[in-house]
Amino acid sequence: MPFPLNSNASSSYSTKFVERPYSRKPCCPNSPSTIIFQGKRSVKRMVIVVVITTVILLFTAIIILILFLAKGGFKTEIFVISQFLFSFHTLLKFQAALTNLKTRLIRKFNFMRLVL
């Protein structure tokens, strides 16, 4: 809604009106609230990816177990599935290490920006 620049009631038609800026974009893209919102969005996305990956890997392990048990052997199947789960565990550790490294680098560069 427009609002007048001067508030003289006698010159209501000659008063200039200025439109208020109604935009859905945030005024400050680097404001803390925007950064927190983007952070929540990325955490939500990462949780969804981890859950989907876990479900896919569990279904794959169950299918492999059923196929190997149908053949009649059990010792090698346990070994194969344990290796499969160990590789998945290693993958999750690697992902956590990369996330930790990314956080450290961001903090370091932010500190360097403050110093410079």
PDB file of N, CA and C in Angstrom:
ATOM      1  N   MET A   1       0.836  -1.170   0.000  1.00  0.00           N
ATOM      2  CA  MET A   1       0.000   0.000   0.000  1.00  0.00           C
ATOM      3  C   MET A   1       0.887   1.242   0.000  1.00  0.00           C
ATOM      4  N   PRO A   2       0.572   2.228  -0.846  1.00  0.00           N
ATOM      5  CA  PRO A   2       1.428   3.418  -0.896  1.00  0.00           C
ATOM      6  C   PRO A   2       1.252   4.297   0.331  1.00  0.00           C
ATOM      7  N   PHE A   3       2.264   5.045   0.634  1.00  0.00           N
ATOM      8  CA  PHE A   3       2.178   5.997   1.733  1.00  0.00           C
ATOM      9  C   PHE A   3       2.735   7.334   1.247  1.00  0.00           C
ATOM     10  N   PRO A   4       2.152   8.441   1.696  1.00  0.00           N
ATOM     11  CA  PRO A   4       2.580   9.755   1.193  1.00  0.00           C
ATOM     12  C   PRO A   4       3.917  10.172   1.782  1.00  0.00           C
ATOM     13  N   LEU A   5       4.647  10.966   0.979  1.00  0.00           N
ATOM     14  CA  LEU A   5       5.911  11.503   1.467  1.00  0.00           C
ATOM     15  C   LEU A   5       5.681  12.663   2.424  1.00  0.00           C
ATOM     16  N   ASN A   6       4.738  13.545   2.100  1.00  0.00           N
ATOM     17  CA  ASN A   6       4.389  14.598   3.057  1.00  0.00           C
ATOM     18  C   ASN A   6       2.941  14.383   3.480  1.00  0.00           C
ATOM     19  N   SER A   7       2.617  14.768   4.686  1.00  0.00           N
ATOM     20  CA  SER A   7       1.310  14.425   5.240  1.00  0.00           C
ATOM     21  C   SER A   7       0.356  15.617   5.261  1.00  0.00           C
ATOM     22  N   ASN A   8       0.416  16.515   4.284  1.00  0.00           N
ATOM     23  CA  ASN A   8      -0.540  17.618   4.220  1.00  0.00           C
ATOM     24  C   ASN A   8      -1.864  17.093   3.686  1.00  0.00           C
ATOM     25  N   ALA A   9      -2.939  17.283   4.453  1.00  0.00           N
ATOM     26  CA  ALA A   9      -4.247  16.788   4.037  1.00  0.00           C
ATOM     27  C   ALA A   9      -4.834  17.646   2.925  1.00  0.00           C
ATOM     28  N   SER A  10      -4.433  18.927   2.819  1.00  0.00           N
ATOM     29  CA  SER A  10      -5.004  19.819   1.813  1.00  0.00           C
ATOM     30  C   SER A  10      -4.527  19.464   0.411  1.00  0.00           C
ATOM     31  N   SER A  11      -3.323  18.969   0.282  1.00  0.00           N
ATOM     32  CA  SER A  11      -2.795  18.666  -1.044  1.00  0.00           C
ATOM     33  C   SER A  11      -2.703  17.155  -1.245  1.00  0.00           C
ATOM     34  N   SER A  12      -3.843  16.476  -1.075  1.00  0.00           N
ATOM     35  CA  SER A  12      -3.816  15.022  -1.148  1.00  0.00           C
ATOM     36  C   SER A  12      -3.582  14.536  -2.571  1.00  0.00           C
ATOM     37  N   TYR A  13      -4.072  15.313  -3.603  1.00  0.00           N
ATOM     38  CA  TYR A  13      -3.879  14.863  -4.978  1.00  0.00           C
ATOM     39  C   TYR A  13      -2.492  15.201  -5.512  1.00  0.00           C
ATOM     40  N   SER A  14      -1.849  16.216  -4.963  1.00  0.00           N
ATOM     41  CA  SER A  14      -0.526  16.574  -5.448  1.00  0.00           C
ATOM     42  C   SER A  14       0.589  15.842  -4.698  1.00  0.00           C
ATOM     43  N   THR A  15       0.210  15.070  -3.715  1.00  0.00           N
ATOM     44  CA  THR A  15       1.211  14.353  -2.930  1.00  0.00           C
ATOM     45  C   THR A  15       1.777  13.199  -3.749  1.00  0.00           C
ATOM     46  N   LYS A  16       3.090  13.053  -3.700  1.00  0.00           N
ATOM     47  CA  LYS A  16       3.726  11.932  -4.393  1.00  0.00           C
ATOM     48  C   LYS A  16       3.600  10.678  -3.528  1.00  0.00           C
ATOM     49  N   PHE A  17       3.341   9.591  -4.201  1.00  0.00           N
ATOM     50  CA  PHE A  17       3.230   8.320  -3.499  1.00  0.00           C
ATOM     51  C   PHE A  17       4.411   7.433  -3.869  1.00  0.00           C
ATOM     52  N   VAL A  18       4.883   6.746  -2.885  1.00  0.00           N
ATOM     53  CA  VAL A  18       6.000   5.830  -3.095  1.00  0.00           C
ATOM     54  C   VAL A  18       5.509   4.427  -2.758  1.00  0.00           C
ATOM     55  N   GLU A  19       5.739   3.496  -3.674  1.00  0.00           N
ATOM     56  CA  GLU A  19       5.333   2.113  -3.433  1.00  0.00           C
ATOM     57  C   GLU A  19       6.303   1.451  -2.449  1.00  0.00           C
ATOM     58  N   ARG A  20       5.748   0.752  -1.508  1.00  0.00           N
ATOM     59  CA  ARG A  20       6.604  -0.012  -0.599  1.00  0.00           C
ATOM     60  C   ARG A  20       7.126  -1.240  -1.328  1.00  0.00           C
ATOM     61  N   PRO A  21       8.351  -1.572  -1.089  1.00  0.00           N
ATOM     62  CA  PRO A  21       8.901  -2.742  -1.802  1.00  0.00           C
ATOM     63  C   PRO A  21       8.376  -4.055  -1.205  1.00  0.00           C
ATOM     64  N   TYR A  22       7.440  -4.677  -1.892  1.00  0.00           N
ATOM     65  CA  TYR A  22       6.932  -5.980  -1.465  1.00  0.00           C
ATOM     66  C   TYR A  22       7.619  -7.040  -2.302  1.00  0.00           C
ATOM     67  N   SER A  23       8.553  -7.697  -1.743  1.00  0.00           N
ATOM     68  CA  SER A  23       9.216  -8.765  -2.484  1.00  0.00           C
ATOM     69  C   SER A  23       9.335  -9.973  -1.572  1.00  0.00           C
ATOM     70  N   ARG A  24       9.318 -11.126  -2.165  1.00  0.00           N
ATOM     71  CA  ARG A  24       9.445 -12.356  -1.392  1.00  0.00           C
ATOM     72  C   ARG A  24      10.902 -12.698  -1.122  1.00  0.00           C
ATOM     73  N   LYS A  25      11.816 -12.054  -1.800  1.00  0.00           N
ATOM     74  CA  LYS A  25      13.234 -12.317  -1.587  1.00  0.00           C
ATOM     75  C   LYS A  25      13.681 -11.676  -0.271  1.00  0.00           C
ATOM     76  N   PRO A  26      14.604 -12.292   0.435  1.00  0.00           N
ATOM     77  CA  PRO A  26      15.101 -11.660   1.659  1.00  0.00           C
ATOM     78  C   PRO A  26      15.910 -10.409   1.330  1.00  0.00           C
ATOM     79  N   CYS A  27      15.841  -9.441   2.227  1.00  0.00           N
ATOM     80  CA  CYS A  27      16.536  -8.184   1.961  1.00  0.00           C
ATOM     81  C   CYS A  27      18.048  -8.373   2.001  1.00  0.00           C
ATOM     82  N   CYS A  28      18.484  -9.229   2.880  1.00  0.00           N
ATOM     83  CA  CYS A  28      19.924  -9.424   3.029  1.00  0.00           C
ATOM     84  C   CYS A  28      20.239 -10.900   2.828  1.00  0.00           C
ATOM     85  N   PRO A  29      20.845 -11.281   1.707  1.00  0.00           N
ATOM     86  CA  PRO A  29      21.093 -12.708   1.476  1.00  0.00           C
ATOM     87  C   PRO A  29      22.080 -13.325   2.454  1.00  0.00           C
ATOM     88  N   ASN A  30      22.897 -12.501   3.115  1.00  0.00           N
ATOM     89  CA  ASN A  30      23.872 -13.039   4.065  1.00  0.00           C
ATOM     90  C   ASN A  30      23.444 -12.836   5.514  1.00  0.00           C
ATOM     91  N   SER A  31      22.150 -12.550   5.725  1.00  0.00           N
ATOM     92  CA  SER A  31      21.684 -12.355   7.094  1.00  0.00           C
ATOM     93  C   SER A  31      21.687 -13.697   7.828  1.00  0.00           C
ATOM     94  N   PRO A  32      21.817 -13.683   9.142  1.00  0.00           N
ATOM     95  CA  PRO A  32      21.889 -14.945   9.892  1.00  0.00           C
ATOM     96  C   PRO A  32      20.660 -15.825   9.709  1.00  0.00           C
ATOM     97  N   SER A  33      19.463 -15.210   9.619  1.00  0.00           N
ATOM     98  CA  SER A  33      18.261 -16.031   9.468  1.00  0.00           C
ATOM     99  C   SER A  33      18.264 -16.763   8.139  1.00  0.00           C
ATOM    100  N   THR A  34      18.724 -16.106   7.075  1.00  0.00           N
ATOM    101  CA  THR A  34      18.782 -16.760   5.765  1.00  0.00           C
ATOM    102  C   THR A  34      19.804 -17.886   5.776  1.00  0.00           C
ATOM    103  N   ILE A  35      20.953 -17.651   6.409  1.00  0.00           N
ATOM    104  CA  ILE A  35      21.994 -18.680   6.464  1.00  0.00           C
ATOM    105  C   ILE A  35      21.502 -19.881   7.274  1.00  0.00           C
ATOM    106  N   ILE A  36      20.806 -19.630   8.394  1.00  0.00           N
ATOM    107  CA  ILE A  36      20.271 -20.725   9.201  1.00  0.00           C
ATOM    108  C   ILE A  36      19.247 -21.513   8.394  1.00  0.00           C
ATOM    109  N   PHE A  37      18.385 -20.798   7.642  1.00  0.00           N
ATOM    110  CA  PHE A  37      17.372 -21.479   6.839  1.00  0.00           C
ATOM    111  C   PHE A  37      18.028 -22.354   5.779  1.00  0.00           C
ATOM    112  N   GLN A  38      19.060 -21.828   5.116  1.00  0.00           N
ATOM    113  CA  GLN A  38      19.760 -22.621   4.111  1.00  0.00           C
ATOM    114  C   GLN A  38      20.452 -23.814   4.759  1.00  0.00           C
ATOM    115  N   GLY A  39      20.981 -23.615   5.964  1.00  0.00           N
ATOM    116  CA  GLY A  39      21.620 -24.715   6.664  1.00  0.00           C
ATOM    117  C   GLY A  39      20.636 -25.817   7.005  1.00  0.00           C
ATOM    118  N   LYS A  40      19.422 -25.438   7.458  1.00  0.00           N
ATOM    119  CA  LYS A  40      18.409 -26.440   7.764  1.00  0.00           C
ATOM    120  C   LYS A  40      18.018 -27.197   6.508  1.00  0.00           C
ATOM    121  N   ARG A  41      17.947 -26.477   5.396  1.00  0.00           N
ATOM    122  CA  ARG A  41      17.567 -27.132   4.148  1.00  0.00           C
ATOM    123  C   ARG A  41      18.628 -28.147   3.734  1.00  0.00           C
ATOM    124  N   SER A  42      19.914 -27.785   3.869  1.00  0.00           N
ATOM    125  CA  SER A  42      20.970 -28.716   3.464  1.00  0.00           C
ATOM    126  C   SER A  42      21.044 -29.910   4.412  1.00  0.00           C
ATOM    127  N   VAL A  43      20.795 -29.697   5.704  1.00  0.00           N
ATOM    128  CA  VAL A  43      20.787 -30.812   6.653  1.00  0.00           C
ATOM    129  C   VAL A  43      19.636 -31.753   6.337  1.00  0.00           C
ATOM    130  N   LYS A  44      18.482 -31.178   6.013  1.00  0.00           N
ATOM    131  CA  LYS A  44      17.321 -31.996   5.668  1.00  0.00           C
ATOM    132  C   LYS A  44      17.613 -32.829   4.422  1.00  0.00           C
ATOM    133  N   ARG A  45      18.235 -32.202   3.431  1.00  0.00           N
ATOM    134  CA  ARG A  45      18.577 -32.915   2.197  1.00  0.00           C
ATOM    135  C   ARG A  45      19.571 -34.038   2.486  1.00  0.00           C
ATOM    136  N   MET A  46      20.568 -33.767   3.340  1.00  0.00           N
ATOM    137  CA  MET A  46      21.576 -34.774   3.653  1.00  0.00           C
ATOM    138  C   MET A  46      20.949 -35.952   4.405  1.00  0.00           C
ATOM    139  N   VAL A  47      20.024 -35.670   5.326  1.00  0.00           N
ATOM    140  CA  VAL A  47      19.351 -36.740   6.064  1.00  0.00           C
ATOM    141  C   VAL A  47      18.536 -37.608   5.113  1.00  0.00           C
ATOM    142  N   ILE A  48      17.848 -36.977   4.169  1.00  0.00           N
ATOM    143  CA  ILE A  48      17.056 -37.733   3.192  1.00  0.00           C
ATOM    144  C   ILE A  48      17.958 -38.635   2.356  1.00  0.00           C
ATOM    145  N   VAL A  49      19.094 -38.107   1.910  1.00  0.00           N
ATOM    146  CA  VAL A  49      20.023 -38.906   1.098  1.00  0.00           C
ATOM    147  C   VAL A  49      20.562 -40.089   1.899  1.00  0.00           C
ATOM    148  N   VAL A  50      20.922 -39.864   3.163  1.00  0.00           N
ATOM    149  CA  VAL A  50      21.463 -40.951   3.988  1.00  0.00           C
ATOM    150  C   VAL A  50      20.402 -42.023   4.227  1.00  0.00           C
ATOM    151  N   VAL A  51      19.159 -41.607   4.487  1.00  0.00           N
ATOM    152  CA  VAL A  51      18.090 -42.580   4.727  1.00  0.00           C
ATOM    153  C   VAL A  51      17.823 -43.406   3.474  1.00  0.00           C
ATOM    154  N   ILE A  52      17.741 -42.745   2.319  1.00  0.00           N
ATOM    155  CA  ILE A  52      17.487 -43.468   1.066  1.00  0.00           C
ATOM    156  C   ILE A  52      18.632 -44.434   0.763  1.00  0.00           C
ATOM    157  N   THR A  53      19.871 -43.982   0.953  1.00  0.00           N
ATOM    158  CA  THR A  53      21.025 -44.854   0.710  1.00  0.00           C
ATOM    159  C   THR A  53      21.013 -46.057   1.645  1.00  0.00           C
ATOM    160  N   THR A  54      20.683 -45.836   2.914  1.00  0.00           N
ATOM    161  CA  THR A  54      20.635 -46.936   3.876  1.00  0.00           C
ATOM    162  C   THR A  54      19.569 -47.954   3.497  1.00  0.00           C
ATOM    163  N   VAL A  55      18.397 -47.479   3.111  1.00  0.00           N
ATOM    164  CA  VAL A  55      17.314 -48.392   2.728  1.00  0.00           C
ATOM    165  C   VAL A  55      17.709 -49.211   1.502  1.00  0.00           C
ATOM    166  N   ILE A  56      18.301 -48.557   0.506  1.00  0.00           N
ATOM    167  CA  ILE A  56      18.724 -49.275  -0.704  1.00  0.00           C
ATOM    168  C   ILE A  56      19.773 -50.331  -0.366  1.00  0.00           C
ATOM    169  N   LEU A  57      20.743 -49.968   0.472  1.00  0.00           N
ATOM    170  CA  LEU A  57      21.784 -50.934   0.831  1.00  0.00           C
ATOM    171  C   LEU A  57      21.233 -52.097   1.657  1.00  0.00           C
ATOM    172  N   LEU A  58      20.273 -51.824   2.543  1.00  0.00           N
ATOM    173  CA  LEU A  58      19.683 -52.912   3.322  1.00  0.00           C
ATOM    174  C   LEU A  58      18.886 -53.862   2.436  1.00  0.00           C
ATOM    175  N   PHE A  59      18.114 -53.322   1.497  1.00  0.00           N
ATOM    176  CA  PHE A  59      17.378 -54.185   0.569  1.00  0.00           C
ATOM    177  C   PHE A  59      18.336 -55.018  -0.276  1.00  0.00           C
ATOM    178  N   THR A  60      19.428 -54.401  -0.710  1.00  0.00           N
ATOM    179  CA  THR A  60      20.422 -55.142  -1.493  1.00  0.00           C
ATOM    180  C   THR A  60      21.032 -56.263  -0.658  1.00  0.00           C
ATOM    181  N   ALA A  61      21.352 -55.981   0.604  1.00  0.00           N
ATOM    182  CA  ALA A  61      21.927 -57.012   1.474  1.00  0.00           C
ATOM    183  C   ALA A  61      20.935 -58.146   1.702  1.00  0.00           C
ATOM    184  N   ILE A  62      19.657 -57.829   1.868  1.00  0.00           N
ATOM    185  CA  ILE A  62      18.643 -58.870   2.069  1.00  0.00           C
ATOM    186  C   ILE A  62      18.501 -59.734   0.818  1.00  0.00           C
ATOM    187  N   ILE A  63      18.494 -59.100  -0.350  1.00  0.00           N
ATOM    188  CA  ILE A  63      18.385 -59.858  -1.605  1.00  0.00           C
ATOM    189  C   ILE A  63      19.604 -60.762  -1.788  1.00  0.00           C
ATOM    190  N   ILE A  64      20.797 -60.235  -1.504  1.00  0.00           N
ATOM    191  CA  ILE A  64      22.011 -61.058  -1.615  1.00  0.00           C
ATOM    192  C   ILE A  64      21.940 -62.232  -0.640  1.00  0.00           C
ATOM    193  N   LEU A  65      21.478 -61.987   0.572  1.00  0.00           N
ATOM    194  CA  LEU A  65      21.367 -63.058   1.569  1.00  0.00           C
ATOM    195  C   LEU A  65      20.393 -64.134   1.108  1.00  0.00           C
ATOM    196  N   ILE A  66      19.249 -63.723   0.574  1.00  0.00           N
ATOM    197  CA  ILE A  66      18.259 -64.701   0.097  1.00  0.00           C
ATOM    198  C   ILE A  66      18.822 -65.518  -1.062  1.00  0.00           C
ATOM    199  N   LEU A  67      19.492 -64.841  -1.999  1.00  0.00           N
ATOM    200  CA  LEU A  67      20.054 -65.565  -3.144  1.00  0.00           C
ATOM    201  C   LEU A  67      21.128 -66.553  -2.710  1.00  0.00           C
ATOM    202  N   PHE A  68      21.986 -66.156  -1.782  1.00  0.00           N
ATOM    203  CA  PHE A  68      23.047 -67.051  -1.346  1.00  0.00           C
ATOM    204  C   PHE A  68      22.507 -68.195  -0.493  1.00  0.00           C
ATOM    205  N   LEU A  69      21.484 -67.920   0.319  1.00  0.00           N
ATOM    206  CA  LEU A  69      20.912 -68.995   1.126  1.00  0.00           C
ATOM    207  C   LEU A  69      20.155 -69.992   0.254  1.00  0.00           C
ATOM    208  N   ALA A  70      19.630 -69.519  -0.888  1.00  0.00           N
ATOM    209  CA  ALA A  70      18.932 -70.433  -1.801  1.00  0.00           C
ATOM    210  C   ALA A  70      19.904 -71.438  -2.408  1.00  0.00           C
ATOM    211  N   LYS A  71      21.180 -71.061  -2.537  1.00  0.00           N
ATOM    212  CA  LYS A  71      22.179 -71.987  -3.085  1.00  0.00           C
ATOM    213  C   LYS A  71      22.603 -73.029  -2.054  1.00  0.00           C
ATOM    214  N   GLY A  72      22.434 -72.754  -0.798  1.00  0.00           N
ATOM    215  CA  GLY A  72      22.757 -73.742   0.228  1.00  0.00           C
ATOM    216  C   GLY A  72      23.991 -73.422   1.048  1.00  0.00           C
ATOM    217  N   GLY A  73      24.833 -72.533   0.615  1.00  0.00           N
ATOM    218  CA  GLY A  73      26.035 -72.202   1.368  1.00  0.00           C
ATOM    219  C   GLY A  73      25.756 -71.111   2.389  1.00  0.00           C
ATOM    220  N   PHE A  74      26.551 -71.098   3.461  1.00  0.00           N
ATOM    221  CA  PHE A  74      26.302 -70.081   4.485  1.00  0.00           C
ATOM    222  C   PHE A  74      27.566 -69.351   4.910  1.00  0.00           C
ATOM    223  N   LYS A  75      28.719 -70.023   4.946  1.00  0.00           N
ATOM    224  CA  LYS A  75      29.933 -69.381   5.449  1.00  0.00           C
ATOM    225  C   LYS A  75      30.394 -68.246   4.536  1.00  0.00           C
ATOM    226  N   THR A  76      30.450 -68.483   3.243  1.00  0.00           N
ATOM    227  CA  THR A  76      30.928 -67.435   2.331  1.00  0.00           C
ATOM    228  C   THR A  76      29.939 -66.282   2.240  1.00  0.00           C
ATOM    229  N   GLU A  77      28.646 -66.584   2.395  1.00  0.00           N
ATOM    230  CA  GLU A  77      27.636 -65.526   2.313  1.00  0.00           C
ATOM    231  C   GLU A  77      27.762 -64.567   3.493  1.00  0.00           C
ATOM    232  N   ILE A  78      28.001 -65.124   4.661  1.00  0.00           N
ATOM    233  CA  ILE A  78      28.205 -64.269   5.837  1.00  0.00           C
ATOM    234  C   ILE A  78      29.415 -63.375   5.611  1.00  0.00           C
ATOM    235  N   PHE A  79      30.476 -63.942   5.063  1.00  0.00           N
ATOM    236  CA  PHE A  79      31.684 -63.161   4.794  1.00  0.00           C
ATOM    237  C   PHE A  79      31.394 -62.047   3.788  1.00  0.00           C
ATOM    238  N   VAL A  80      30.670 -62.369   2.708  1.00  0.00           N
ATOM    239  CA  VAL A  80      30.367 -61.366   1.676  1.00  0.00           C
ATOM    240  C   VAL A  80      29.506 -60.248   2.251  1.00  0.00           C
ATOM    241  N   ILE A  81      28.487 -60.611   3.017  1.00  0.00           N
ATOM    242  CA  ILE A  81      27.591 -59.589   3.577  1.00  0.00           C
ATOM    243  C   ILE A  81      28.329 -58.750   4.617  1.00  0.00           C
ATOM    244  N   SER A  82      29.193 -59.383   5.420  1.00  0.00           N
ATOM    245  CA  SER A  82      29.943 -58.596   6.403  1.00  0.00           C
ATOM    246  C   SER A  82      30.894 -57.625   5.710  1.00  0.00           C
ATOM    247  N   GLN A  83      31.513 -58.055   4.608  1.00  0.00           N
ATOM    248  CA  GLN A  83      32.374 -57.145   3.850  1.00  0.00           C
ATOM    249  C   GLN A  83      31.563 -56.001   3.252  1.00  0.00           C
ATOM    250  N   PHE A  84      30.358 -56.322   2.775  1.00  0.00           N
ATOM    251  CA  PHE A  84      29.475 -55.310   2.201  1.00  0.00           C
ATOM    252  C   PHE A  84      29.095 -54.263   3.254  1.00  0.00           C
ATOM    253  N   LEU A  85      28.692 -54.733   4.439  1.00  0.00           N
ATOM    254  CA  LEU A  85      28.311 -53.800   5.503  1.00  0.00           C
ATOM    255  C   LEU A  85      29.521 -53.019   6.010  1.00  0.00           C
ATOM    256  N   PHE A  86      30.689 -53.657   6.051  1.00  0.00           N
ATOM    257  CA  PHE A  86      31.898 -52.953   6.465  1.00  0.00           C
ATOM    258  C   PHE A  86      32.238 -51.837   5.478  1.00  0.00           C
ATOM    259  N   SER A  87      32.069 -52.101   4.172  1.00  0.00           N
ATOM    260  CA  SER A  87      32.348 -51.053   3.181  1.00  0.00           C
ATOM    261  C   SER A  87      31.350 -49.909   3.313  1.00  0.00           C
ATOM    262  N   PHE A  88      30.090 -50.226   3.634  1.00  0.00           N
ATOM    263  CA  PHE A  88      29.092 -49.172   3.851  1.00  0.00           C
ATOM    264  C   PHE A  88      29.459 -48.335   5.072  1.00  0.00           C
ATOM    265  N   HIS A  89      29.915 -49.009   6.145  1.00  0.00           N
ATOM    266  CA  HIS A  89      30.339 -48.295   7.351  1.00  0.00           C
ATOM    267  C   HIS A  89      31.532 -47.386   7.046  1.00  0.00           C
ATOM    268  N   THR A  90      32.472 -47.873   6.251  1.00  0.00           N
ATOM    269  CA  THR A  90      33.630 -47.065   5.853  1.00  0.00           C
ATOM    270  C   THR A  90      33.193 -45.866   5.024  1.00  0.00           C
ATOM    271  N   LEU A  91      32.211 -46.073   4.143  1.00  0.00           N
ATOM    272  CA  LEU A  91      31.691 -44.973   3.330  1.00  0.00           C
ATOM    273  C   LEU A  91      31.069 -43.892   4.204  1.00  0.00           C
ATOM    274  N   LEU A  92      30.312 -44.291   5.234  1.00  0.00           N
ATOM    275  CA  LEU A  92      29.714 -43.307   6.139  1.00  0.00           C
ATOM    276  C   LEU A  92      30.785 -42.553   6.923  1.00  0.00           C
ATOM    277  N   LYS A  93      31.839 -43.252   7.343  1.00  0.00           N
ATOM    278  CA  LYS A  93      32.939 -42.575   8.040  1.00  0.00           C
ATOM    279  C   LYS A  93      33.619 -41.556   7.129  1.00  0.00           C
ATOM    280  N   PHE A  94      33.811 -41.935   5.868  1.00  0.00           N
ATOM    281  CA  PHE A  94      34.439 -41.039   4.902  1.00  0.00           C
ATOM    282  C   PHE A  94      33.571 -39.806   4.670  1.00  0.00           C
ATOM    283  N   GLN A  95      32.247 -40.002   4.585  1.00  0.00           N
ATOM    284  CA  GLN A  95      31.344 -38.871   4.395  1.00  0.00           C
ATOM    285  C   GLN A  95      31.392 -37.937   5.605  1.00  0.00           C
ATOM    286  N   ALA A  96      31.441 -38.500   6.817  1.00  0.00           N
ATOM    287  CA  ALA A  96      31.528 -37.675   8.020  1.00  0.00           C
ATOM    288  C   ALA A  96      32.846 -36.912   8.059  1.00  0.00           C
ATOM    289  N   ALA A  97      33.938 -37.554   7.627  1.00  0.00           N
ATOM    290  CA  ALA A  97      35.236 -36.874   7.602  1.00  0.00           C
ATOM    291  C   ALA A  97      35.227 -35.724   6.597  1.00  0.00           C
ATOM    292  N   LEU A  98      34.596 -35.929   5.441  1.00  0.00           N
ATOM    293  CA  LEU A  98      34.507 -34.841   4.457  1.00  0.00           C
ATOM    294  C   LEU A  98      33.678 -33.678   4.980  1.00  0.00           C
ATOM    295  N   THR A  99      32.577 -33.982   5.664  1.00  0.00           N
ATOM    296  CA  THR A  99      31.748 -32.920   6.238  1.00  0.00           C
ATOM    297  C   THR A  99      32.525 -32.141   7.285  1.00  0.00           C
ATOM    298  N   ASN A 100      33.290 -32.842   8.122  1.00  0.00           N
ATOM    299  CA  ASN A 100      34.108 -32.195   9.142  1.00  0.00           C
ATOM    300  C   ASN A 100      35.170 -31.311   8.499  1.00  0.00           C
ATOM    301  N   LEU A 101      35.803 -31.810   7.429  1.00  0.00           N
ATOM    302  CA  LEU A 101      36.824 -31.033   6.727  1.00  0.00           C
ATOM    303  C   LEU A 101      36.214 -29.784   6.103  1.00  0.00           C
ATOM    304  N   LYS A 102      35.026 -29.923   5.512  1.00  0.00           N
ATOM    305  CA  LYS A 102      34.359 -28.777   4.897  1.00  0.00           C
ATOM    306  C   LYS A 102      34.043 -27.713   5.951  1.00  0.00           C
ATOM    307  N   THR A 103      33.565 -28.151   7.120  1.00  0.00           N
ATOM    308  CA  THR A 103      33.254 -27.206   8.195  1.00  0.00           C
ATOM    309  C   THR A 103      34.509 -26.483   8.661  1.00  0.00           C
ATOM    310  N   ARG A 104      35.608 -27.220   8.808  1.00  0.00           N
ATOM    311  CA  ARG A 104      36.867 -26.591   9.237  1.00  0.00           C
ATOM    312  C   ARG A 104      37.359 -25.569   8.216  1.00  0.00           C
ATOM    313  N   LEU A 105      37.268 -25.920   6.926  1.00  0.00           N
ATOM    314  CA  LEU A 105      37.726 -24.987   5.887  1.00  0.00           C
ATOM    315  C   LEU A 105      36.874 -23.726   5.863  1.00  0.00           C
ATOM    316  N   ILE A 106      35.562 -23.877   6.022  1.00  0.00           N
ATOM    317  CA  ILE A 106      34.682 -22.703   6.032  1.00  0.00           C
ATOM    318  C   ILE A 106      35.038 -21.800   7.204  1.00  0.00           C
ATOM    319  N   ARG A 107      35.248 -22.391   8.386  1.00  0.00           N
ATOM    320  CA  ARG A 107      35.611 -21.578   9.559  1.00  0.00           C
ATOM    321  C   ARG A 107      36.947 -20.875   9.347  1.00  0.00           C
ATOM    322  N   LYS A 108      37.902 -21.590   8.745  1.00  0.00           N
ATOM    323  CA  LYS A 108      39.227 -21.018   8.522  1.00  0.00           C
ATOM    324  C   LYS A 108      39.142 -19.833   7.565  1.00  0.00           C
ATOM    325  N   PHE A 109      38.392 -20.002   6.458  1.00  0.00           N
ATOM    326  CA  PHE A 109      38.290 -18.912   5.497  1.00  0.00           C
ATOM    327  C   PHE A 109      37.503 -17.732   6.058  1.00  0.00           C
ATOM    328  N   ASN A 110      36.490 -17.995   6.890  1.00  0.00           N
ATOM    329  CA  ASN A 110      35.764 -16.897   7.526  1.00  0.00           C
ATOM    330  C   ASN A 110      36.681 -16.138   8.472  1.00  0.00           C
ATOM    331  N   PHE A 111      37.535 -16.859   9.218  1.00  0.00           N
ATOM    332  CA  PHE A 111      38.484 -16.206  10.106  1.00  0.00           C
ATOM    333  C   PHE A 111      39.484 -15.384   9.307  1.00  0.00           C
ATOM    334  N   MET A 112      39.946 -15.931   8.167  1.00  0.00           N
ATOM    335  CA  MET A 112      40.902 -15.189   7.341  1.00  0.00           C
ATOM    336  C   MET A 112      40.263 -13.926   6.777  1.00  0.00           C
ATOM    337  N   ARG A 113      38.962 -13.998   6.435  1.00  0.00           N
ATOM    338  CA  ARG A 113      38.279 -12.801   5.940  1.00  0.00           C
ATOM    339  C   ARG A 113      38.190 -11.735   7.025  1.00  0.00           C
ATOM    340  N   LEU A 114      37.967 -12.181   8.270  1.00  0.00           N
ATOM    341  CA  LEU A 114      37.897 -11.220   9.367  1.00  0.00           C
ATOM    342  C   LEU A 114      39.256 -10.582   9.624  1.00  0.00           C
ATOM    343  N   VAL A 115      40.324 -11.382   9.516  1.00  0.00           N
ATOM    344  CA  VAL A 115      41.666 -10.861   9.768  1.00  0.00           C
ATOM    345  C   VAL A 115      42.078  -9.886   8.672  1.00  0.00           C
ATOM    346  N   LEU A 116      41.795 -10.252   7.423  1.00  0.00           N
ATOM    347  CA  LEU A 116      42.176  -9.385   6.306  1.00  0.00           C
ATOM    348  C   LEU A 116      41.185  -8.269   6.212  1.00  0.00           C
TER     349      LEU A 116
END
